[in-house]
Amino acid sequence: MTMKSVLEETNKFLDHLGLIEEPFGVYYDNIKPENAFGPKPGIPLSRELEEQGEVDMQEVFKHFSCVIGNIWLARKKHRAAYISTEEYGCPGGVFYCSMMKPNVRFIEHYVTTGFSGTPLHGERFLPSPEAMRKFLDKVNPRKAPGKYCIFKPLSLFTDSEVPEFVIFFARPEVLTGLFIQTTFTTGDVDCVASPFGAGCTNIIAWPLFYKEQGIEKAILGGFDPSARKYMKTDELTFTVPWSLYKKMLAALPESMFSVDGEWTTVRKKVTRSANVWGEGNEAIPKR
């Protein structure tokens, strides 16, 4: 499928789903996109520098910039967002997006129980640094194939740019359609996973984890409390590998959207949900 045909089929899919906002694609490149949202350059950061005592985390956090936060701006302005090794913004995001390996040890304490004897109480998302280390060792993103990890609306991709994954931002009724279309396409009742992780972990690191194993798996995410401020109320993420997404589009003519079945009722709830959130009368953005 050409990008033009993918966009045409995506518009049909969005109409079926009742989703106004188009999905984002993510890819790696050595060229920073113009007019994109991303972090400012930070101080040098690495495990080696950390172990040598040469990283001041207070300085790192002075330029904190969340991956999901930059994507949130890109969503609102219909532009791109990025992260790089130098322009990292977040000591966790730079690892999850494959821009720095290994992770800094600081994050193992920051996300869990903090540092004993200090005011840093930790986020308490996992019970111990050891549990966090086990998670980081498992997800272990591959080395990035480009200088920048870039997220942008699917309609901004050219034929020479191929997204690795497609990311939807949606509420439960729309997610119902995404979930069932994934199972219908694959025939696999275990084709959607929702593992623990930061907001960016579930839109890039976990999808990469399964892709590296040759597994086409969709990832449901958005459960990171620290990233919720950059998402709509009741909204979650649904990330699909590019290869699977094209199959989902090809399967639309035979899917539940093509018959007068249960989706008809759900589709009415999609409209009611949009009206409740004041989105029912919005014009559909150009795609």
C-alpha atoms as a PDB file:
ATOM      1  CA  MET A   1       0.000   0.000   0.000  1.00  0.00           C
ATOM      2  CA  THR A   2       1.254   3.480  -0.828  1.00  0.00           C
ATOM      3  CA  MET A   3       1.066   6.181   1.824  1.00  0.00           C
ATOM      4  CA  LYS A   4      -1.724   7.821  -0.167  1.00  0.00           C
ATOM      5  CA  SER A   5      -3.798   4.642  -0.113  1.00  0.00           C
ATOM      6  CA  VAL A   6      -3.058   4.126   3.581  1.00  0.00           C
ATOM      7  CA  LEU A   7      -4.334   7.623   4.327  1.00  0.00           C
ATOM      8  CA  GLU A   8      -7.451   7.026   2.252  1.00  0.00           C
ATOM      9  CA  GLU A   9      -8.189   3.794   4.117  1.00  0.00           C
ATOM     10  CA  THR A  10      -7.312   5.460   7.432  1.00  0.00           C
ATOM     11  CA  ASN A  11      -9.982   8.097   6.796  1.00  0.00           C
ATOM     12  CA  LYS A  12     -12.527   5.317   6.254  1.00  0.00           C
ATOM     13  CA  PHE A  13     -11.366   3.618   9.448  1.00  0.00           C
ATOM     14  CA  LEU A  14     -11.672   6.848  11.443  1.00  0.00           C
ATOM     15  CA  ASP A  15     -15.159   7.404  10.075  1.00  0.00           C
ATOM     16  CA  HIS A  16     -16.162   3.911  11.198  1.00  0.00           C
ATOM     17  CA  LEU A  17     -14.644   4.522  14.623  1.00  0.00           C
ATOM     18  CA  GLY A  18     -16.137   7.986  14.989  1.00  0.00           C
ATOM     19  CA  LEU A  19     -12.697   9.314  15.837  1.00  0.00           C
ATOM     20  CA  ILE A  20     -11.981  12.917  14.857  1.00  0.00           C
ATOM     21  CA  GLU A  21      -8.231  12.888  15.501  1.00  0.00           C
ATOM     22  CA  GLU A  22      -5.969  11.051  13.106  1.00  0.00           C
ATOM     23  CA  PRO A  23      -3.328   8.692  14.505  1.00  0.00           C
ATOM     24  CA  PHE A  24       0.365   9.481  14.807  1.00  0.00           C
ATOM     25  CA  GLY A  25       3.214   7.538  13.285  1.00  0.00           C
ATOM     26  CA  VAL A  26       6.651   7.111  14.842  1.00  0.00           C
ATOM     27  CA  TYR A  27       9.958   6.648  13.021  1.00  0.00           C
ATOM     28  CA  TYR A  28      13.684   7.355  13.309  1.00  0.00           C
ATOM     29  CA  ASP A  29      15.665   9.754  11.158  1.00  0.00           C
ATOM     30  CA  ASN A  30      18.933  11.697  11.186  1.00  0.00           C
ATOM     31  CA  ILE A  31      17.186  14.948  10.265  1.00  0.00           C
ATOM     32  CA  LYS A  32      15.216  16.930  12.826  1.00  0.00           C
ATOM     33  CA  PRO A  33      11.755  17.879  11.527  1.00  0.00           C
ATOM     34  CA  GLU A  34      11.049  21.579  11.097  1.00  0.00           C
ATOM     35  CA  ASN A  35       8.753  23.430  13.506  1.00  0.00           C
ATOM     36  CA  ALA A  36       8.637  20.381  15.757  1.00  0.00           C
ATOM     37  CA  PHE A  37       8.173  20.171  19.512  1.00  0.00           C
ATOM     38  CA  GLY A  38      10.999  18.680  21.534  1.00  0.00           C
ATOM     39  CA  PRO A  39      13.305  19.168  24.504  1.00  0.00           C
ATOM     40  CA  LYS A  40      16.081  21.713  24.740  1.00  0.00           C
ATOM     41  CA  PRO A  41      19.635  20.330  24.773  1.00  0.00           C
ATOM     42  CA  GLY A  42      20.520  18.997  28.218  1.00  0.00           C
ATOM     43  CA  ILE A  43      23.749  18.377  30.054  1.00  0.00           C
ATOM     44  CA  PRO A  44      25.625  15.197  29.027  1.00  0.00           C
ATOM     45  CA  LEU A  45      23.854  12.153  30.454  1.00  0.00           C
ATOM     46  CA  SER A  46      24.890   8.502  30.562  1.00  0.00           C
ATOM     47  CA  ARG A  47      25.272   5.591  32.969  1.00  0.00           C
ATOM     48  CA  GLU A  48      29.063   6.004  32.774  1.00  0.00           C
ATOM     49  CA  LEU A  49      28.950   9.679  33.740  1.00  0.00           C
ATOM     50  CA  GLU A  50      26.431   8.891  36.479  1.00  0.00           C
ATOM     51  CA  GLU A  51      28.658   6.213  37.990  1.00  0.00           C
ATOM     52  CA  GLN A  52      31.579   8.644  37.911  1.00  0.00           C
ATOM     53  CA  GLY A  53      29.497  11.149  39.903  1.00  0.00           C
ATOM     54  CA  GLU A  54      29.536  13.655  37.046  1.00  0.00           C
ATOM     55  CA  VAL A  55      25.749  14.003  36.540  1.00  0.00           C
ATOM     56  CA  ASP A  56      23.794  16.613  38.489  1.00  0.00           C
ATOM     57  CA  MET A  57      20.189  15.374  38.309  1.00  0.00           C
ATOM     58  CA  GLN A  58      18.885  18.738  39.493  1.00  0.00           C
ATOM     59  CA  GLU A  59      20.437  20.244  36.371  1.00  0.00           C
ATOM     60  CA  VAL A  60      18.939  17.458  34.267  1.00  0.00           C
ATOM     61  CA  PHE A  61      15.450  18.190  35.582  1.00  0.00           C
ATOM     62  CA  LYS A  62      15.780  21.927  35.006  1.00  0.00           C
ATOM     63  CA  HIS A  63      15.143  21.136  31.347  1.00  0.00           C
ATOM     64  CA  PHE A  64      12.638  18.328  31.946  1.00  0.00           C
ATOM     65  CA  SER A  65      10.441  17.755  28.917  1.00  0.00           C
ATOM     66  CA  CYS A  66       8.081  14.772  28.676  1.00  0.00           C
ATOM     67  CA  VAL A  67       7.797  12.788  25.443  1.00  0.00           C
ATOM     68  CA  ILE A  68       4.019  12.562  25.854  1.00  0.00           C
ATOM     69  CA  GLY A  69       3.943  16.275  26.667  1.00  0.00           C
ATOM     70  CA  ASN A  70       5.681  17.170  23.414  1.00  0.00           C
ATOM     71  CA  ILE A  71       3.379  14.832  21.506  1.00  0.00           C
ATOM     72  CA  TRP A  72       0.437  16.577  23.205  1.00  0.00           C
ATOM     73  CA  LEU A  73       1.632  19.894  21.740  1.00  0.00           C
ATOM     74  CA  ALA A  74       2.160  18.251  18.358  1.00  0.00           C
ATOM     75  CA  ARG A  75      -1.362  16.833  18.489  1.00  0.00           C
ATOM     76  CA  LYS A  76      -2.862  20.247  19.142  1.00  0.00           C
ATOM     77  CA  LYS A  77      -0.816  21.999  16.451  1.00  0.00           C
ATOM     78  CA  HIS A  78      -0.767  19.176  13.868  1.00  0.00           C
ATOM     79  CA  ARG A  79       3.017  19.068  13.872  1.00  0.00           C
ATOM     80  CA  ALA A  80       5.845  16.714  14.813  1.00  0.00           C
ATOM     81  CA  ALA A  81       7.516  15.952  18.140  1.00  0.00           C
ATOM     82  CA  TYR A  82      10.964  14.473  18.685  1.00  0.00           C
ATOM     83  CA  ILE A  83      13.600  13.350  21.160  1.00  0.00           C
ATOM     84  CA  SER A  84      17.322  12.794  20.656  1.00  0.00           C
ATOM     85  CA  THR A  85      20.381  11.839  22.677  1.00  0.00           C
ATOM     86  CA  GLU A  86      21.348  15.476  23.245  1.00  0.00           C
ATOM     87  CA  GLU A  87      17.798  16.858  23.346  1.00  0.00           C
ATOM     88  CA  TYR A  88      16.411  14.279  25.716  1.00  0.00           C
ATOM     89  CA  GLY A  89      14.309  16.155  28.269  1.00  0.00           C
ATOM     90  CA  CYS A  90      13.592  13.104  30.415  1.00  0.00           C
ATOM     91  CA  PRO A  91      16.096  10.569  31.823  1.00  0.00           C
ATOM     92  CA  GLY A  92      13.504   7.836  31.382  1.00  0.00           C
ATOM     93  CA  GLY A  93      12.147   8.848  27.985  1.00  0.00           C
ATOM     94  CA  VAL A  94      15.606   8.969  26.416  1.00  0.00           C
ATOM     95  CA  PHE A  95      16.017   5.283  27.336  1.00  0.00           C
ATOM     96  CA  TYR A  96      12.520   4.154  26.327  1.00  0.00           C
ATOM     97  CA  CYS A  97      12.829   5.860  22.951  1.00  0.00           C
ATOM     98  CA  SER A  98      16.106   3.992  22.251  1.00  0.00           C
ATOM     99  CA  MET A  99      18.221   7.128  22.370  1.00  0.00           C
ATOM    100  CA  MET A 100      20.431   6.115  25.326  1.00  0.00           C
ATOM    101  CA  LYS A 101      21.571   2.768  26.685  1.00  0.00           C
ATOM    102  CA  PRO A 102      21.909   1.606  29.357  1.00  0.00           C
ATOM    103  CA  ASN A 103      19.456   3.509  31.560  1.00  0.00           C
ATOM    104  CA  VAL A 104      20.725   5.755  34.338  1.00  0.00           C
ATOM    105  CA  ARG A 105      20.379   4.157  37.775  1.00  0.00           C
ATOM    106  CA  PHE A 106      18.632   7.265  39.087  1.00  0.00           C
ATOM    107  CA  ILE A 107      15.418   6.299  37.302  1.00  0.00           C
ATOM    108  CA  GLU A 108      15.319   2.961  39.144  1.00  0.00           C
ATOM    109  CA  HIS A 109      14.900   4.854  42.420  1.00  0.00           C
ATOM    110  CA  TYR A 110      12.887   7.808  41.115  1.00  0.00           C
ATOM    111  CA  VAL A 111      10.062   5.599  39.811  1.00  0.00           C
ATOM    112  CA  THR A 112       9.984   3.399  42.922  1.00  0.00           C
ATOM    113  CA  THR A 113      10.894   4.212  46.531  1.00  0.00           C
ATOM    114  CA  GLY A 114      13.328   7.104  46.149  1.00  0.00           C
ATOM    115  CA  PHE A 115      16.644   7.388  47.938  1.00  0.00           C
ATOM    116  CA  SER A 116      16.847   6.540  51.629  1.00  0.00           C
ATOM    117  CA  GLY A 117      17.698   9.521  53.804  1.00  0.00           C
ATOM    118  CA  THR A 118      16.732  12.097  51.155  1.00  0.00           C
ATOM    119  CA  PRO A 119      13.538  14.109  50.476  1.00  0.00           C
ATOM    120  CA  LEU A 120      13.020  12.152  47.240  1.00  0.00           C
ATOM    121  CA  HIS A 121      10.136   9.832  48.147  1.00  0.00           C
ATOM    122  CA  GLY A 122       9.893   8.248  44.702  1.00  0.00           C
ATOM    123  CA  GLU A 123       6.791   7.830  42.540  1.00  0.00           C
ATOM    124  CA  ARG A 124       5.950   4.397  44.034  1.00  0.00           C
ATOM    125  CA  PHE A 125       4.855   2.979  40.661  1.00  0.00           C
ATOM    126  CA  LEU A 126       6.793  -0.230  41.412  1.00  0.00           C
ATOM    127  CA  PRO A 127       7.687  -1.550  44.890  1.00  0.00           C
ATOM    128  CA  SER A 128      11.485  -1.431  44.705  1.00  0.00           C
ATOM    129  CA  PRO A 129      14.481  -0.415  42.593  1.00  0.00           C
ATOM    130  CA  GLU A 130      15.062  -4.125  41.990  1.00  0.00           C
ATOM    131  CA  ALA A 131      11.588  -4.494  40.483  1.00  0.00           C
ATOM    132  CA  MET A 132      12.220  -1.471  38.278  1.00  0.00           C
ATOM    133  CA  ARG A 133      15.586  -2.862  37.199  1.00  0.00           C
ATOM    134  CA  LYS A 134      13.938  -6.133  36.201  1.00  0.00           C
ATOM    135  CA  PHE A 135      11.407  -4.211  34.091  1.00  0.00           C
ATOM    136  CA  LEU A 136      14.103  -2.090  32.423  1.00  0.00           C
ATOM    137  CA  ASP A 137      16.227  -5.150  31.668  1.00  0.00           C
ATOM    138  CA  LYS A 138      13.241  -6.794  30.010  1.00  0.00           C
ATOM    139  CA  VAL A 139      11.944  -3.953  27.851  1.00  0.00           C
ATOM    140  CA  ASN A 140      15.555  -3.037  26.840  1.00  0.00           C
ATOM    141  CA  PRO A 141      14.935  -1.058  23.605  1.00  0.00           C
ATOM    142  CA  ARG A 142      17.252  -1.712  20.694  1.00  0.00           C
ATOM    143  CA  LYS A 143      19.807   0.843  19.560  1.00  0.00           C
ATOM    144  CA  ALA A 144      18.118   3.650  17.630  1.00  0.00           C
ATOM    145  CA  PRO A 145      18.610   3.522  13.835  1.00  0.00           C
ATOM    146  CA  GLY A 146      18.626   7.327  13.620  1.00  0.00           C
ATOM    147  CA  LYS A 147      19.603  10.435  15.575  1.00  0.00           C
ATOM    148  CA  TYR A 148      15.988  11.435  16.213  1.00  0.00           C
ATOM    149  CA  CYS A 149      12.917   9.529  17.323  1.00  0.00           C
ATOM    150  CA  ILE A 150      10.065  11.397  15.638  1.00  0.00           C
ATOM    151  CA  PHE A 151       6.308  11.325  16.215  1.00  0.00           C
ATOM    152  CA  LYS A 152       3.935  13.047  13.817  1.00  0.00           C
ATOM    153  CA  PRO A 153       0.415  12.803  12.347  1.00  0.00           C
ATOM    154  CA  LEU A 154       0.137  10.068   9.775  1.00  0.00           C
ATOM    155  CA  SER A 155      -0.916  12.553   7.085  1.00  0.00           C
ATOM    156  CA  LEU A 156       2.461  14.341   7.384  1.00  0.00           C
ATOM    157  CA  PHE A 157       4.382  11.264   6.237  1.00  0.00           C
ATOM    158  CA  THR A 158       5.749  11.224   2.712  1.00  0.00           C
ATOM    159  CA  ASP A 159       6.130   8.145   0.540  1.00  0.00           C
ATOM    160  CA  SER A 160       9.817   8.041   1.486  1.00  0.00           C
ATOM    161  CA  GLU A 161       9.023   7.907   5.220  1.00  0.00           C
ATOM    162  CA  VAL A 162       7.710   4.703   6.760  1.00  0.00           C
ATOM    163  CA  PRO A 163       6.389   4.682  10.343  1.00  0.00           C
ATOM    164  CA  GLU A 164       7.334   1.737  12.503  1.00  0.00           C
ATOM    165  CA  PHE A 165       4.168   2.076  14.570  1.00  0.00           C
ATOM    166  CA  VAL A 166       0.808   3.827  14.439  1.00  0.00           C
ATOM    167  CA  ILE A 167      -0.458   5.431  17.652  1.00  0.00           C
ATOM    168  CA  PHE A 168      -4.115   6.168  18.378  1.00  0.00           C
ATOM    169  CA  PHE A 169      -5.335   8.410  21.196  1.00  0.00           C
ATOM    170  CA  ALA A 170      -8.863   7.384  22.066  1.00  0.00           C
ATOM    171  CA  ARG A 171     -11.498   6.820  24.745  1.00  0.00           C
ATOM    172  CA  PRO A 172     -13.035   3.424  25.624  1.00  0.00           C
ATOM    173  CA  GLU A 173     -15.820   3.280  23.018  1.00  0.00           C
ATOM    174  CA  VAL A 174     -13.387   3.962  20.182  1.00  0.00           C
ATOM    175  CA  LEU A 175     -10.860   1.619  21.782  1.00  0.00           C
ATOM    176  CA  THR A 176     -13.519  -1.089  21.532  1.00  0.00           C
ATOM    177  CA  GLY A 177     -13.432  -0.731  17.762  1.00  0.00           C
ATOM    178  CA  LEU A 178      -9.638  -0.718  17.649  1.00  0.00           C
ATOM    179  CA  PHE A 179      -9.413  -3.765  19.884  1.00  0.00           C
ATOM    180  CA  ILE A 180     -11.936  -5.833  17.930  1.00  0.00           C
ATOM    181  CA  GLN A 181     -10.494  -4.848  14.565  1.00  0.00           C
ATOM    182  CA  THR A 182      -7.131  -6.085  15.815  1.00  0.00           C
ATOM    183  CA  THR A 183      -8.524  -9.447  16.925  1.00  0.00           C
ATOM    184  CA  PHE A 184     -10.561  -9.785  13.735  1.00  0.00           C
ATOM    185  CA  THR A 185      -7.494  -9.108  11.617  1.00  0.00           C
ATOM    186  CA  THR A 186      -5.143 -11.430  13.462  1.00  0.00           C
ATOM    187  CA  GLY A 187      -7.483 -14.136  14.754  1.00  0.00           C
ATOM    188  CA  ASP A 188      -5.330 -14.023  17.874  1.00  0.00           C
ATOM    189  CA  VAL A 189      -7.136 -13.536  21.199  1.00  0.00           C
ATOM    190  CA  ASP A 190      -3.825 -12.425  22.753  1.00  0.00           C
ATOM    191  CA  CYS A 191      -2.953  -9.822  20.121  1.00  0.00           C
ATOM    192  CA  VAL A 192      -3.305  -6.833  22.474  1.00  0.00           C
ATOM    193  CA  ALA A 193      -1.014  -6.395  25.481  1.00  0.00           C
ATOM    194  CA  SER A 194      -0.937  -3.770  28.223  1.00  0.00           C
ATOM    195  CA  PRO A 195       2.350  -4.114  30.138  1.00  0.00           C
ATOM    196  CA  PHE A 196       3.574  -1.693  32.792  1.00  0.00           C
ATOM    197  CA  GLY A 197       5.499   1.324  31.612  1.00  0.00           C
ATOM    198  CA  ALA A 198       5.723   5.074  31.258  1.00  0.00           C
ATOM    199  CA  GLY A 199       3.521   6.782  28.697  1.00  0.00           C
ATOM    200  CA  CYS A 200       6.315   6.656  26.125  1.00  0.00           C
ATOM    201  CA  THR A 201       7.204   3.058  27.010  1.00  0.00           C
ATOM    202  CA  ASN A 202       3.854   1.860  25.718  1.00  0.00           C
ATOM    203  CA  ILE A 203       3.952   3.798  22.455  1.00  0.00           C
ATOM    204  CA  ILE A 204       7.513   2.924  21.473  1.00  0.00           C
ATOM    205  CA  ALA A 205       9.570   0.692  23.817  1.00  0.00           C
ATOM    206  CA  TRP A 206       7.083  -2.162  24.280  1.00  0.00           C
ATOM    207  CA  PRO A 207       6.051  -2.131  20.591  1.00  0.00           C
ATOM    208  CA  LEU A 208       9.757  -2.405  19.747  1.00  0.00           C
ATOM    209  CA  PHE A 209      10.117  -5.256  22.241  1.00  0.00           C
ATOM    210  CA  TYR A 210       7.558  -7.355  20.370  1.00  0.00           C
ATOM    211  CA  LYS A 211       8.704  -6.259  16.917  1.00  0.00           C
ATOM    212  CA  GLU A 212      12.240  -7.417  17.672  1.00  0.00           C
ATOM    213  CA  GLN A 213      10.760 -10.862  18.404  1.00  0.00           C
ATOM    214  CA  GLY A 214       8.835 -10.877  15.130  1.00  0.00           C
ATOM    215  CA  ILE A 215       5.493 -10.615  16.949  1.00  0.00           C
ATOM    216  CA  GLU A 216       2.703  -8.363  15.688  1.00  0.00           C
ATOM    217  CA  LYS A 217       1.227  -7.088  18.942  1.00  0.00           C
ATOM    218  CA  ALA A 218      -0.886  -4.003  19.671  1.00  0.00           C
ATOM    219  CA  ILE A 219      -0.127  -2.165  22.925  1.00  0.00           C
ATOM    220  CA  LEU A 220      -2.749  -0.502  25.100  1.00  0.00           C
ATOM    221  CA  GLY A 221      -1.199   2.227  27.249  1.00  0.00           C
ATOM    222  CA  GLY A 222      -1.669   5.590  28.866  1.00  0.00           C
ATOM    223  CA  PHE A 223      -1.828   4.366  32.474  1.00  0.00           C
ATOM    224  CA  ASP A 224       1.263   6.268  33.622  1.00  0.00           C
ATOM    225  CA  PRO A 225       0.046   8.770  36.277  1.00  0.00           C
ATOM    226  CA  SER A 226       2.835  11.208  35.437  1.00  0.00           C
ATOM    227  CA  ALA A 227       1.767  11.359  31.772  1.00  0.00           C
ATOM    228  CA  ARG A 228      -1.977  11.745  32.346  1.00  0.00           C
ATOM    229  CA  LYS A 229      -1.658  15.543  32.461  1.00  0.00           C
ATOM    230  CA  TYR A 230      -0.732  15.438  28.788  1.00  0.00           C
ATOM    231  CA  MET A 231      -3.755  13.407  27.694  1.00  0.00           C
ATOM    232  CA  LYS A 232      -7.466  14.053  27.491  1.00  0.00           C
ATOM    233  CA  THR A 233      -9.658  12.856  30.344  1.00  0.00           C
ATOM    234  CA  ASP A 234     -10.553   9.167  29.902  1.00  0.00           C
ATOM    235  CA  GLU A 235      -8.141   8.866  26.970  1.00  0.00           C
ATOM    236  CA  LEU A 236      -5.698   5.997  26.440  1.00  0.00           C
ATOM    237  CA  THR A 237      -3.186   5.042  23.748  1.00  0.00           C
ATOM    238  CA  PHE A 238      -3.390   2.147  21.310  1.00  0.00           C
ATOM    239  CA  THR A 239      -0.219   1.426  19.342  1.00  0.00           C
ATOM    240  CA  VAL A 240      -0.045  -0.938  16.375  1.00  0.00           C
ATOM    241  CA  PRO A 241       2.977  -2.056  14.315  1.00  0.00           C
ATOM    242  CA  TRP A 242       2.904  -0.696  10.778  1.00  0.00           C
ATOM    243  CA  SER A 243       2.734  -4.169   9.232  1.00  0.00           C
ATOM    244  CA  LEU A 244      -0.323  -5.063  11.307  1.00  0.00           C
ATOM    245  CA  TYR A 245      -1.983  -1.699  10.756  1.00  0.00           C
ATOM    246  CA  LYS A 246      -1.988  -2.180   6.989  1.00  0.00           C
ATOM    247  CA  LYS A 247      -3.582  -5.600   7.486  1.00  0.00           C
ATOM    248  CA  MET A 248      -6.241  -4.034   9.728  1.00  0.00           C
ATOM    249  CA  LEU A 249      -7.085  -1.543   6.998  1.00  0.00           C
ATOM    250  CA  ALA A 250      -7.247  -4.292   4.372  1.00  0.00           C
ATOM    251  CA  ALA A 251      -9.628  -6.264   6.613  1.00  0.00           C
ATOM    252  CA  LEU A 252     -12.139  -3.419   6.980  1.00  0.00           C
ATOM    253  CA  PRO A 253     -14.538  -4.572   4.192  1.00  0.00           C
ATOM    254  CA  GLU A 254     -15.169  -7.879   6.013  1.00  0.00           C
ATOM    255  CA  SER A 255     -15.071  -6.529   9.571  1.00  0.00           C
ATOM    256  CA  MET A 256     -17.864  -5.726  12.032  1.00  0.00           C
ATOM    257  CA  PHE A 257     -18.003  -2.227  10.582  1.00  0.00           C
ATOM    258  CA  SER A 258     -19.470  -3.678   7.377  1.00  0.00           C
ATOM    259  CA  VAL A 259     -22.550  -5.228   9.014  1.00  0.00           C
ATOM    260  CA  ASP A 260     -25.516  -3.903  10.970  1.00  0.00           C
ATOM    261  CA  GLY A 261     -24.472  -5.443  14.266  1.00  0.00           C
ATOM    262  CA  GLU A 262     -23.373  -4.483  17.761  1.00  0.00           C
ATOM    263  CA  TRP A 263     -21.021  -1.770  16.556  1.00  0.00           C
ATOM    264  CA  THR A 264     -24.073   0.300  15.555  1.00  0.00           C
ATOM    265  CA  THR A 265     -24.954   0.693  19.234  1.00  0.00           C
ATOM    266  CA  VAL A 266     -21.386   1.407  20.271  1.00  0.00           C
ATOM    267  CA  ARG A 267     -21.040   3.983  17.494  1.00  0.00           C
ATOM    268  CA  LYS A 268     -23.973   5.906  18.992  1.00  0.00           C
ATOM    269  CA  LYS A 269     -22.131   5.925  22.323  1.00  0.00           C
ATOM    270  CA  VAL A 270     -19.036   7.248  20.562  1.00  0.00           C
ATOM    271  CA  THR A 271     -21.105  10.211  19.387  1.00  0.00           C
ATOM    272  CA  ARG A 272     -22.592  10.740  22.848  1.00  0.00           C
ATOM    273  CA  SER A 273     -19.126  10.617  24.405  1.00  0.00           C
ATOM    274  CA  ALA A 274     -17.844  13.218  21.936  1.00  0.00           C
ATOM    275  CA  ASN A 275     -20.803  15.468  22.712  1.00  0.00           C
ATOM    276  CA  VAL A 276     -20.232  15.135  26.469  1.00  0.00           C
ATOM    277  CA  TRP A 277     -16.644  16.319  26.014  1.00  0.00           C
ATOM    278  CA  GLY A 278     -17.640  19.139  23.686  1.00  0.00           C
ATOM    279  CA  GLU A 279     -16.063  17.500  20.666  1.00  0.00           C
ATOM    280  CA  GLY A 280     -19.168  16.479  18.778  1.00  0.00           C
ATOM    281  CA  ASN A 281     -19.352  19.556  16.571  1.00  0.00           C
ATOM    282  CA  GLU A 282     -15.657  19.882  15.796  1.00  0.00           C
ATOM    283  CA  ALA A 283     -14.671  19.888  12.173  1.00  0.00           C
ATOM    284  CA  ILE A 284     -12.575  16.904  11.219  1.00  0.00           C
ATOM    285  CA  PRO A 285      -8.974  18.142  10.714  1.00  0.00           C
ATOM    286  CA  LYS A 286      -7.459  17.872   7.251  1.00  0.00           C
ATOM    287  CA  ARG A 287      -5.848  14.482   6.814  1.00  0.00           C
END
